[in-house]
PDB file of all heavy atoms in Angstrom:
ATOM      1  N   THR A   1     168.112 175.839 108.188  1.00  0.00           N
ATOM      2  CA  THR A   1     167.459 176.502 107.052  1.00  0.00           C
ATOM      3  C   THR A   1     166.269 177.307 107.570  1.00  0.00           C
ATOM      4  O   THR A   1     165.355 176.752 108.189  1.00  0.00           O
ATOM      5  CB  THR A   1     166.973 175.486 106.018  1.00  0.00           C
ATOM      6  OG1 THR A   1     168.081 174.724 105.550  1.00  0.00           O
ATOM      7  CG2 THR A   1     166.333 176.180 104.830  1.00  0.00           C
ATOM      8  N   LEU A   2     166.292 178.619 107.295  1.00  0.00           N
ATOM      9  CA  LEU A   2     165.209 179.506 107.695  1.00  0.00           C
ATOM     10  C   LEU A   2     164.464 179.948 106.444  1.00  0.00           C
ATOM     11  O   LEU A   2     165.046 180.523 105.515  1.00  0.00           O
ATOM     12  CB  LEU A   2     165.771 180.728 108.426  1.00  0.00           C
ATOM     13  CG  LEU A   2     164.753 181.807 108.851  1.00  0.00           C
ATOM     14  CD1 LEU A   2     163.759 181.225 109.847  1.00  0.00           C
ATOM     15  CD2 LEU A   2     165.468 183.011 109.434  1.00  0.00           C
ATOM     16  N   GLN A   3     163.165 179.615 106.396  1.00  0.00           N
ATOM     17  CA  GLN A   3     162.332 179.954 105.232  1.00  0.00           C
ATOM     18  C   GLN A   3     161.685 181.315 105.472  1.00  0.00           C
ATOM     19  O   GLN A   3     160.932 181.492 106.424  1.00  0.00           O
ATOM     20  CB  GLN A   3     161.264 178.889 105.010  1.00  0.00           C
ATOM     21  CG  GLN A   3     160.456 179.067 103.738  1.00  0.00           C
ATOM     22  CD  GLN A   3     161.265 178.709 102.485  1.00  0.00           C
ATOM     23  OE1 GLN A   3     161.987 177.717 102.493  1.00  0.00           O
ATOM     24  NE2 GLN A   3     161.147 179.516 101.449  1.00  0.00           N
ATOM     25  N   LEU A   4     161.962 182.264 104.581  1.00  0.00           N
ATOM     26  CA  LEU A   4     161.378 183.614 104.645  1.00  0.00           C
ATOM     27  C   LEU A   4     160.620 183.846 103.323  1.00  0.00           C
ATOM     28  O   LEU A   4     161.190 184.343 102.353  1.00  0.00           O
ATOM     29  CB  LEU A   4     162.457 184.672 104.831  1.00  0.00           C
ATOM     30  CG  LEU A   4     163.283 184.572 106.142  1.00  0.00           C
ATOM     31  CD1 LEU A   4     164.439 185.562 106.114  1.00  0.00           C
ATOM     32  CD2 LEU A   4     162.385 184.818 107.351  1.00  0.00           C
ATOM     33  N   GLY A   5     159.364 183.453 103.310  1.00  0.00           N
ATOM     34  CA  GLY A   5     158.598 183.562 102.077  1.00  0.00           C
ATOM     35  C   GLY A   5     159.205 182.668 101.022  1.00  0.00           C
ATOM     36  O   GLY A   5     159.299 181.443 101.176  1.00  0.00           O
ATOM     37  N   HIS A   6     159.627 183.288  99.914  1.00  0.00           N
ATOM     38  CA  HIS A   6     160.280 182.529  98.848  1.00  0.00           C
ATOM     39  C   HIS A   6     161.788 182.477  99.009  1.00  0.00           C
ATOM     40  O   HIS A   6     162.491 181.959  98.141  1.00  0.00           O
ATOM     41  CB  HIS A   6     159.931 183.159  97.488  1.00  0.00           C
ATOM     42  CG  HIS A   6     158.462 183.097  97.181  1.00  0.00           C
ATOM     43  ND1 HIS A   6     157.797 181.929  96.898  1.00  0.00           N
ATOM     44  CD2 HIS A   6     157.534 184.088  97.104  1.00  0.00           C
ATOM     45  CE1 HIS A   6     156.532 182.173  96.660  1.00  0.00           C
ATOM     46  NE2 HIS A   6     156.321 183.503  96.781  1.00  0.00           N
ATOM     47  N   ARG A   7     162.259 183.011 100.083  1.00  0.00           N
ATOM     48  CA  ARG A   7     163.715 183.094 100.284  1.00  0.00           C
ATOM     49  C   ARG A   7     164.130 182.152 101.421  1.00  0.00           C
ATOM     50  O   ARG A   7     163.416 181.983 102.404  1.00  0.00           O
ATOM     51  CB  ARG A   7     164.095 184.529 100.640  1.00  0.00           C
ATOM     52  CG  ARG A   7     165.586 184.737 100.839  1.00  0.00           C
ATOM     53  CD  ARG A   7     165.853 186.149 101.324  1.00  0.00           C
ATOM     54  NE  ARG A   7     167.251 186.349 101.689  1.00  0.00           N
ATOM     55  CZ  ARG A   7     167.714 187.337 102.436  1.00  0.00           C
ATOM     56  NH1 ARG A   7     166.854 188.233 102.898  1.00  0.00           N
ATOM     57  NH2 ARG A   7     168.992 187.432 102.708  1.00  0.00           N
ATOM     58  N   LYS A   8     165.303 181.560 101.278  1.00  0.00           N
ATOM     59  CA  LYS A   8     165.867 180.699 102.306  1.00  0.00           C
ATOM     60  C   LYS A   8     167.191 181.258 102.798  1.00  0.00           C
ATOM     61  O   LYS A   8     168.004 181.737 102.013  1.00  0.00           O
ATOM     62  CB  LYS A   8     166.099 179.277 101.767  1.00  0.00           C
ATOM     63  CG  LYS A   8     164.835 178.481 101.521  1.00  0.00           C
ATOM     64  CD  LYS A   8     165.181 177.071 101.073  1.00  0.00           C
ATOM     65  CE  LYS A   8     163.902 176.252 100.826  1.00  0.00           C
ATOM     66  NZ  LYS A   8     164.229 174.882 100.383  1.00  0.00           N
ATOM     67  N   VAL A   9     167.354 181.213 104.096  1.00  0.00           N
ATOM     68  CA  VAL A   9     168.636 181.613 104.717  1.00  0.00           C
ATOM     69  C   VAL A   9     169.236 180.354 105.349  1.00  0.00           C
ATOM     70  O   VAL A   9     168.549 179.641 106.094  1.00  0.00           O
ATOM     71  CB  VAL A   9     168.424 182.696 105.781  1.00  0.00           C
ATOM     72  CG1 VAL A   9     169.761 183.065 106.408  1.00  0.00           C
ATOM     73  CG2 VAL A   9     167.769 183.919 105.173  1.00  0.00           C
ATOM     74  N   ASN A  10     170.485 180.078 105.027  1.00  0.00           N
ATOM     75  CA  ASN A  10     171.135 178.851 105.492  1.00  0.00           C
ATOM     76  C   ASN A  10     172.357 179.154 106.353  1.00  0.00           C
ATOM     77  O   ASN A  10     173.034 180.171 106.155  1.00  0.00           O
ATOM     78  CB  ASN A  10     171.581 177.995 104.304  1.00  0.00           C
ATOM     79  CG  ASN A  10     170.419 177.569 103.422  1.00  0.00           C
ATOM     80  OD1 ASN A  10     169.447 176.984 103.903  1.00  0.00           O
ATOM     81  ND2 ASN A  10     170.504 177.882 102.142  1.00  0.00           N
ATOM     82  N   ALA A  11     172.593 178.293 107.272  1.00  0.00           N
ATOM     83  CA  ALA A  11     173.805 178.331 108.109  1.00  0.00           C
ATOM     84  C   ALA A  11     174.133 176.918 108.512  1.00  0.00           C
ATOM     85  O   ALA A  11     173.250 176.043 108.574  1.00  0.00           O
ATOM     86  CB  ALA A  11     173.596 179.218 109.337  1.00  0.00           C
ATOM     87  N   SER A  12     175.399 176.666 108.794  1.00  0.00           N
ATOM     88  CA  SER A  12     175.799 175.307 109.182  1.00  0.00           C
ATOM     89  C   SER A  12     176.968 175.373 110.155  1.00  0.00           C
ATOM     90  O   SER A  12     177.671 176.378 110.264  1.00  0.00           O
ATOM     91  CB  SER A  12     176.162 174.462 107.962  1.00  0.00           C
ATOM     92  OG  SER A  12     177.311 174.981 107.322  1.00  0.00           O
ATOM     93  N   HIS A  13     177.137 174.253 110.833  1.00  0.00           N
ATOM     94  CA  HIS A  13     178.238 174.118 111.778  1.00  0.00           C
ATOM     95  C   HIS A  13     178.652 172.657 111.797  1.00  0.00           C
ATOM     96  O   HIS A  13     177.816 171.751 111.646  1.00  0.00           O
ATOM     97  CB  HIS A  13     177.816 174.570 113.181  1.00  0.00           C
ATOM     98  CG  HIS A  13     178.876 174.421 114.225  1.00  0.00           C
ATOM     99  ND1 HIS A  13     180.065 175.106 114.186  1.00  0.00           N
ATOM    100  CD2 HIS A  13     178.936 173.640 115.334  1.00  0.00           C
ATOM    101  CE1 HIS A  13     180.801 174.775 115.220  1.00  0.00           C
ATOM    102  NE2 HIS A  13     180.138 173.893 115.954  1.00  0.00           N
ATOM    103  N   ALA A  14     179.943 172.390 111.971  1.00  0.00           N
ATOM    104  CA  ALA A  14     180.462 171.024 111.957  1.00  0.00           C
ATOM    105  C   ALA A  14     181.417 170.813 113.121  1.00  0.00           C
ATOM    106  O   ALA A  14     182.142 171.734 113.541  1.00  0.00           O
ATOM    107  CB  ALA A  14     181.153 170.696 110.642  1.00  0.00           C
ATOM    108  N   VAL A  15     181.408 169.602 113.654  1.00  0.00           N
ATOM    109  CA  VAL A  15     182.359 169.194 114.672  1.00  0.00           C
ATOM    110  C   VAL A  15     182.932 167.831 114.294  1.00  0.00           C
ATOM    111  O   VAL A  15     182.304 167.070 113.559  1.00  0.00           O
ATOM    112  CB  VAL A  15     181.714 169.118 116.087  1.00  0.00           C
ATOM    113  CG1 VAL A  15     181.201 170.477 116.530  1.00  0.00           C
ATOM    114  CG2 VAL A  15     180.607 168.071 116.115  1.00  0.00           C
ATOM    115  N   THR A  16     184.104 167.555 114.799  1.00  0.00           N
ATOM    116  CA  THR A  16     184.742 166.246 114.561  1.00  0.00           C
ATOM    117  C   THR A  16     184.510 165.367 115.771  1.00  0.00           C
ATOM    118  O   THR A  16     184.767 165.758 116.910  1.00  0.00           O
ATOM    119  CB  THR A  16     186.243 166.424 114.308  1.00  0.00           C
ATOM    120  OG1 THR A  16     186.440 167.267 113.157  1.00  0.00           O
ATOM    121  CG2 THR A  16     186.914 165.081 114.062  1.00  0.00           C
ATOM    122  N   LEU A  17     184.015 164.155 115.505  1.00  0.00           N
ATOM    123  CA  LEU A  17     183.759 163.212 116.590  1.00  0.00           C
ATOM    124  C   LEU A  17     185.092 162.728 117.184  1.00  0.00           C
ATOM    125  O   LEU A  17     186.010 162.364 116.463  1.00  0.00           O
ATOM    126  CB  LEU A  17     182.978 162.008 116.077  1.00  0.00           C
ATOM    127  CG  LEU A  17     181.478 162.202 115.821  1.00  0.00           C
ATOM    128  CD1 LEU A  17     180.881 160.902 115.285  1.00  0.00           C
ATOM    129  CD2 LEU A  17     180.750 162.608 117.097  1.00  0.00           C
ATOM    130  N   TRP A  18     185.138 162.724 118.492  1.00  0.00           N
ATOM    131  CA  TRP A  18     186.269 162.148 119.211  1.00  0.00           C
ATOM    132  C   TRP A  18     185.723 160.982 120.012  1.00  0.00           C
ATOM    133  O   TRP A  18     185.062 161.154 121.013  1.00  0.00           O
ATOM    134  CB  TRP A  18     186.919 163.176 120.113  1.00  0.00           C
ATOM    135  CG  TRP A  18     188.219 162.677 120.710  1.00  0.00           C
ATOM    136  CD1 TRP A  18     188.336 161.877 121.799  1.00  0.00           C
ATOM    137  CD2 TRP A  18     189.521 162.946 120.241  1.00  0.00           C
ATOM    138  NE1 TRP A  18     189.678 161.607 122.052  1.00  0.00           N
ATOM    139  CE2 TRP A  18     190.428 162.254 121.105  1.00  0.00           C
ATOM    140  CE3 TRP A  18     190.034 163.680 119.172  1.00  0.00           C
ATOM    141  CZ2 TRP A  18     191.789 162.301 120.926  1.00  0.00           C
ATOM    142  CZ3 TRP A  18     191.411 163.719 119.008  1.00  0.00           C
ATOM    143  CH2 TRP A  18     192.279 163.032 119.871  1.00  0.00           C
ATOM    144  N   VAL A  19     185.967 159.771 119.528  1.00  0.00           N
ATOM    145  CA  VAL A  19     185.402 158.576 120.132  1.00  0.00           C
ATOM    146  C   VAL A  19     186.471 157.847 120.935  1.00  0.00           C
ATOM    147  O   VAL A  19     187.453 157.363 120.372  1.00  0.00           O
ATOM    148  CB  VAL A  19     184.822 157.625 119.066  1.00  0.00           C
ATOM    149  CG1 VAL A  19     184.218 156.384 119.717  1.00  0.00           C
ATOM    150  CG2 VAL A  19     183.751 158.341 118.238  1.00  0.00           C
ATOM    151  N   TRP A  20     186.285 157.796 122.241  1.00  0.00           N
ATOM    152  CA  TRP A  20     187.164 157.004 123.089  1.00  0.00           C
ATOM    153  C   TRP A  20     186.788 155.526 122.936  1.00  0.00           C
ATOM    154  O   TRP A  20     185.626 155.195 122.769  1.00  0.00           O
ATOM    155  CB  TRP A  20     187.008 157.414 124.545  1.00  0.00           C
ATOM    156  CG  TRP A  20     187.332 158.848 124.826  1.00  0.00           C
ATOM    157  CD1 TRP A  20     186.430 159.856 125.062  1.00  0.00           C
ATOM    158  CD2 TRP A  20     188.615 159.469 124.876  1.00  0.00           C
ATOM    159  NE1 TRP A  20     187.072 161.045 125.263  1.00  0.00           N
ATOM    160  CE2 TRP A  20     188.424 160.836 125.146  1.00  0.00           C
ATOM    161  CE3 TRP A  20     189.906 158.993 124.724  1.00  0.00           C
ATOM    162  CZ2 TRP A  20     189.481 161.726 125.277  1.00  0.00           C
ATOM    163  CZ3 TRP A  20     190.970 159.873 124.840  1.00  0.00           C
ATOM    164  CH2 TRP A  20     190.755 161.220 125.129  1.00  0.00           C
ATOM    165  N   ALA A  21     187.778 154.648 123.008  1.00  0.00           N
ATOM    166  CA  ALA A  21     187.507 153.232 122.800  1.00  0.00           C
ATOM    167  C   ALA A  21     188.432 152.370 123.636  1.00  0.00           C
ATOM    168  O   ALA A  21     189.646 152.628 123.694  1.00  0.00           O
ATOM    169  CB  ALA A  21     187.623 152.867 121.322  1.00  0.00           C
ATOM    170  N   ALA A  22     187.882 151.332 124.256  1.00  0.00           N
ATOM    171  CA  ALA A  22     188.685 150.332 124.946  1.00  0.00           C
ATOM    172  C   ALA A  22     189.520 149.557 123.914  1.00  0.00           C
ATOM    173  O   ALA A  22     189.198 149.557 122.715  1.00  0.00           O
ATOM    174  CB  ALA A  22     187.789 149.383 125.721  1.00  0.00           C
ATOM    175  N   PRO A  23     190.581 148.892 124.322  1.00  0.00           N
ATOM    176  CA  PRO A  23     191.393 148.115 123.376  1.00  0.00           C
ATOM    177  C   PRO A  23     190.556 147.096 122.601  1.00  0.00           C
ATOM    178  O   PRO A  23     189.705 146.398 123.178  1.00  0.00           O
ATOM    179  CB  PRO A  23     192.416 147.414 124.270  1.00  0.00           C
ATOM    180  CG  PRO A  23     192.539 148.313 125.463  1.00  0.00           C
ATOM    181  CD  PRO A  23     191.152 148.854 125.692  1.00  0.00           C
ATOM    182  N   HIS A  24     190.768 147.055 121.317  1.00  0.00           N
ATOM    183  CA  HIS A  24     190.056 146.111 120.461  1.00  0.00           C
ATOM    184  C   HIS A  24     190.990 145.683 119.332  1.00  0.00           C
ATOM    185  O   HIS A  24     192.056 146.254 119.154  1.00  0.00           O
ATOM    186  CB  HIS A  24     188.769 146.725 119.881  1.00  0.00           C
ATOM    187  CG  HIS A  24     188.994 148.008 119.145  1.00  0.00           C
ATOM    188  ND1 HIS A  24     189.169 149.217 119.785  1.00  0.00           N
ATOM    189  CD2 HIS A  24     189.081 148.275 117.814  1.00  0.00           C
ATOM    190  CE1 HIS A  24     189.349 150.179 118.877  1.00  0.00           C
ATOM    191  NE2 HIS A  24     189.307 149.628 117.699  1.00  0.00           N
ATOM    192  N   HIS A  25     190.566 144.662 118.579  1.00  0.00           N
ATOM    193  CA  HIS A  25     191.403 144.078 117.512  1.00  0.00           C
ATOM    194  C   HIS A  25     192.795 143.726 118.065  1.00  0.00           C
ATOM    195  O   HIS A  25     193.808 144.018 117.427  1.00  0.00           O
ATOM    196  CB  HIS A  25     191.531 145.061 116.334  1.00  0.00           C
ATOM    197  CG  HIS A  25     190.234 145.298 115.624  1.00  0.00           C
ATOM    198  ND1 HIS A  25     190.030 146.429 114.822  1.00  0.00           N
ATOM    199  CD2 HIS A  25     189.075 144.623 115.590  1.00  0.00           C
ATOM    200  CE1 HIS A  25     188.799 146.378 114.341  1.00  0.00           C
ATOM    201  NE2 HIS A  25     188.211 145.290 114.791  1.00  0.00           N
ATOM    202  N   VAL A  26     192.817 143.121 119.256  1.00  0.00           N
ATOM    203  CA  VAL A  26     194.081 142.712 119.841  1.00  0.00           C
ATOM    204  C   VAL A  26     194.526 141.406 119.188  1.00  0.00           C
ATOM    205  O   VAL A  26     193.740 140.460 119.092  1.00  0.00           O
ATOM    206  CB  VAL A  26     193.924 142.517 121.370  1.00  0.00           C
ATOM    207  CG1 VAL A  26     195.272 142.155 121.998  1.00  0.00           C
ATOM    208  CG2 VAL A  26     193.353 143.768 122.028  1.00  0.00           C
ATOM    209  N   GLY A  27     195.751 141.374 118.723  1.00  0.00           N
ATOM    210  CA  GLY A  27     196.269 140.173 118.050  1.00  0.00           C
ATOM    211  C   GLY A  27     197.679 139.861 118.445  1.00  0.00           C
ATOM    212  O   GLY A  27     198.489 140.760 118.693  1.00  0.00           O
ATOM    213  N   VAL A  28     197.998 138.574 118.558  1.00  0.00           N
ATOM    214  CA  VAL A  28     199.354 138.101 118.861  1.00  0.00           C
ATOM    215  C   VAL A  28     199.741 137.064 117.822  1.00  0.00           C
ATOM    216  O   VAL A  28     198.941 136.183 117.524  1.00  0.00           O
ATOM    217  CB  VAL A  28     199.427 137.490 120.285  1.00  0.00           C
ATOM    218  CG1 VAL A  28     200.816 136.893 120.526  1.00  0.00           C
ATOM    219  CG2 VAL A  28     199.132 138.526 121.335  1.00  0.00           C
ATOM    220  N   TRP A  29     200.918 137.180 117.307  1.00  0.00           N
ATOM    221  CA  TRP A  29     201.368 136.197 116.313  1.00  0.00           C
ATOM    222  C   TRP A  29     202.892 136.041 116.347  1.00  0.00           C
ATOM    223  O   TRP A  29     203.625 136.912 116.822  1.00  0.00           O
ATOM    224  CB  TRP A  29     200.900 136.616 114.902  1.00  0.00           C
ATOM    225  CG  TRP A  29     201.548 137.871 114.400  1.00  0.00           C
ATOM    226  CD1 TRP A  29     202.688 137.990 113.650  1.00  0.00           C
ATOM    227  CD2 TRP A  29     201.084 139.212 114.623  1.00  0.00           C
ATOM    228  NE1 TRP A  29     202.957 139.313 113.384  1.00  0.00           N
ATOM    229  CE2 TRP A  29     201.993 140.071 113.950  1.00  0.00           C
ATOM    230  CE3 TRP A  29     199.990 139.757 115.280  1.00  0.00           C
ATOM    231  CZ2 TRP A  29     201.832 141.473 113.967  1.00  0.00           C
ATOM    232  CZ3 TRP A  29     199.837 141.127 115.284  1.00  0.00           C
ATOM    233  CH2 TRP A  29     200.739 141.981 114.644  1.00  0.00           C
ATOM    234  N   ALA A  30     203.323 134.887 115.838  1.00  0.00           N
ATOM    235  CA  ALA A  30     204.742 134.597 115.658  1.00  0.00           C
ATOM    236  C   ALA A  30     204.926 134.113 114.225  1.00  0.00           C
ATOM    237  O   ALA A  30     203.954 133.777 113.534  1.00  0.00           O
ATOM    238  CB  ALA A  30     205.200 133.533 116.657  1.00  0.00           C
ATOM    239  N   SER A  31     206.196 134.073 113.785  1.00  0.00           N
ATOM    240  CA  SER A  31     206.463 133.627 112.419  1.00  0.00           C
ATOM    241  C   SER A  31     205.992 132.193 112.209  1.00  0.00           C
ATOM    242  O   SER A  31     205.582 131.817 111.117  1.00  0.00           O
ATOM    243  CB  SER A  31     207.951 133.734 112.094  1.00  0.00           C
ATOM    244  OG  SER A  31     208.722 132.982 113.049  1.00  0.00           O
ATOM    245  N   ARG A  32     206.012 131.400 113.268  1.00  0.00           N
ATOM    246  CA  ARG A  32     205.464 130.040 113.269  1.00  0.00           C
ATOM    247  C   ARG A  32     205.229 129.673 114.730  1.00  0.00           C
ATOM    248  O   ARG A  32     205.626 130.394 115.631  1.00  0.00           O
ATOM    249  CB  ARG A  32     206.404 129.043 112.582  1.00  0.00           C
ATOM    250  CG  ARG A  32     207.795 128.926 113.204  1.00  0.00           C
ATOM    251  CD  ARG A  32     208.690 128.033 112.356  1.00  0.00           C
ATOM    252  NE  ARG A  32     209.964 127.742 112.977  1.00  0.00           N
ATOM    253  CZ  ARG A  32     211.018 128.535 112.914  1.00  0.00           C
ATOM    254  NH1 ARG A  32     210.956 129.662 112.236  1.00  0.00           N
ATOM    255  NH2 ARG A  32     212.170 128.177 113.515  1.00  0.00           N
ATOM    256  N   THR A  33     204.563 128.544 114.960  1.00  0.00           N
ATOM    257  CA  THR A  33     204.236 128.179 116.341  1.00  0.00           C
ATOM    258  C   THR A  33     205.018 126.976 116.834  1.00  0.00           C
ATOM    259  O   THR A  33     204.930 126.628 118.010  1.00  0.00           O
ATOM    260  CB  THR A  33     202.717 127.868 116.466  1.00  0.00           C
ATOM    261  OG1 THR A  33     202.369 126.847 115.533  1.00  0.00           O
ATOM    262  CG2 THR A  33     201.891 129.108 116.197  1.00  0.00           C
ATOM    263  N   VAL A  34     205.786 126.314 115.950  1.00  0.00           N
ATOM    264  CA  VAL A  34     206.630 125.175 116.363  1.00  0.00           C
ATOM    265  C   VAL A  34     208.075 125.515 116.021  1.00  0.00           C
ATOM    266  O   VAL A  34     208.389 125.816 114.876  1.00  0.00           O
ATOM    267  CB  VAL A  34     206.193 123.879 115.662  1.00  0.00           C
ATOM    268  CG1 VAL A  34     207.122 122.725 116.091  1.00  0.00           C
ATOM    269  CG2 VAL A  34     204.743 123.544 115.986  1.00  0.00           C
ATOM    270  N   PHE A  35     208.947 125.463 117.050  1.00  0.00           N
ATOM    271  CA  PHE A  35     210.345 125.827 116.880  1.00  0.00           C
ATOM    272  C   PHE A  35     211.225 124.662 117.287  1.00  0.00           C
ATOM    273  O   PHE A  35     210.784 123.727 117.971  1.00  0.00           O
ATOM    274  CB  PHE A  35     210.694 127.051 117.730  1.00  0.00           C
ATOM    275  CG  PHE A  35     210.054 128.322 117.272  1.00  0.00           C
ATOM    276  CD1 PHE A  35     208.728 128.605 117.584  1.00  0.00           C
ATOM    277  CD2 PHE A  35     210.771 129.250 116.531  1.00  0.00           C
ATOM    278  CE1 PHE A  35     208.139 129.786 117.174  1.00  0.00           C
ATOM    279  CE2 PHE A  35     210.186 130.422 116.112  1.00  0.00           C
ATOM    280  CZ  PHE A  35     208.863 130.694 116.431  1.00  0.00           C
ATOM    281  N   ALA A  36     212.497 124.755 116.907  1.00  0.00           N
ATOM    282  CA  ALA A  36     213.515 123.814 117.351  1.00  0.00           C
ATOM    283  C   ALA A  36     214.440 124.549 118.309  1.00  0.00           C
ATOM    284  O   ALA A  36     214.622 125.761 118.210  1.00  0.00           O
ATOM    285  CB  ALA A  36     214.295 123.245 116.170  1.00  0.00           C
ATOM    286  N   ALA A  37     215.035 123.827 119.241  1.00  0.00           N
ATOM    287  CA  ALA A  37     215.963 124.426 120.192  1.00  0.00           C
ATOM    288  C   ALA A  37     217.093 125.123 119.430  1.00  0.00           C
ATOM    289  O   ALA A  37     217.652 124.578 118.480  1.00  0.00           O
ATOM    290  CB  ALA A  37     216.525 123.384 121.141  1.00  0.00           C
ATOM    291  N   GLY A  38     217.386 126.357 119.821  1.00  0.00           N
ATOM    292  CA  GLY A  38     218.405 127.147 119.138  1.00  0.00           C
ATOM    293  C   GLY A  38     217.866 128.155 118.148  1.00  0.00           C
ATOM    294  O   GLY A  38     218.597 129.019 117.677  1.00  0.00           O
ATOM    295  N   ASP A  39     216.574 128.036 117.792  1.00  0.00           N
ATOM    296  CA  ASP A  39     215.970 129.008 116.873  1.00  0.00           C
ATOM    297  C   ASP A  39     215.774 130.344 117.561  1.00  0.00           C
ATOM    298  O   ASP A  39     215.627 130.429 118.789  1.00  0.00           O
ATOM    299  CB  ASP A  39     214.594 128.507 116.379  1.00  0.00           C
ATOM    300  CG  ASP A  39     214.704 127.341 115.412  1.00  0.00           C
ATOM    301  OD1 ASP A  39     215.827 127.086 114.945  1.00  0.00           O
ATOM    302  OD2 ASP A  39     213.678 126.688 115.158  1.00  0.00           O
ATOM    303  N   ASN A  40     215.741 131.413 116.763  1.00  0.00           N
ATOM    304  CA  ASN A  40     215.375 132.728 117.270  1.00  0.00           C
ATOM    305  C   ASN A  40     213.848 132.837 117.286  1.00  0.00           C
ATOM    306  O   ASN A  40     213.189 132.530 116.302  1.00  0.00           O
ATOM    307  CB  ASN A  40     215.968 133.838 116.401  1.00  0.00           C
ATOM    308  CG  ASN A  40     217.488 133.857 116.465  1.00  0.00           C
ATOM    309  OD1 ASN A  40     218.085 133.408 117.451  1.00  0.00           O
ATOM    310  ND2 ASN A  40     218.111 134.392 115.422  1.00  0.00           N
TER     311      ASN A  40
END
């Protein structure tokens, strides 16, 4: 914003953040944790 007396001149610029990240929210799961022989 540039103030010129009672007048203002405006300009703007935008960029999109590109954030690199190590692996996070890592999760491992199975339908259940106790099985019987022969189950898938």
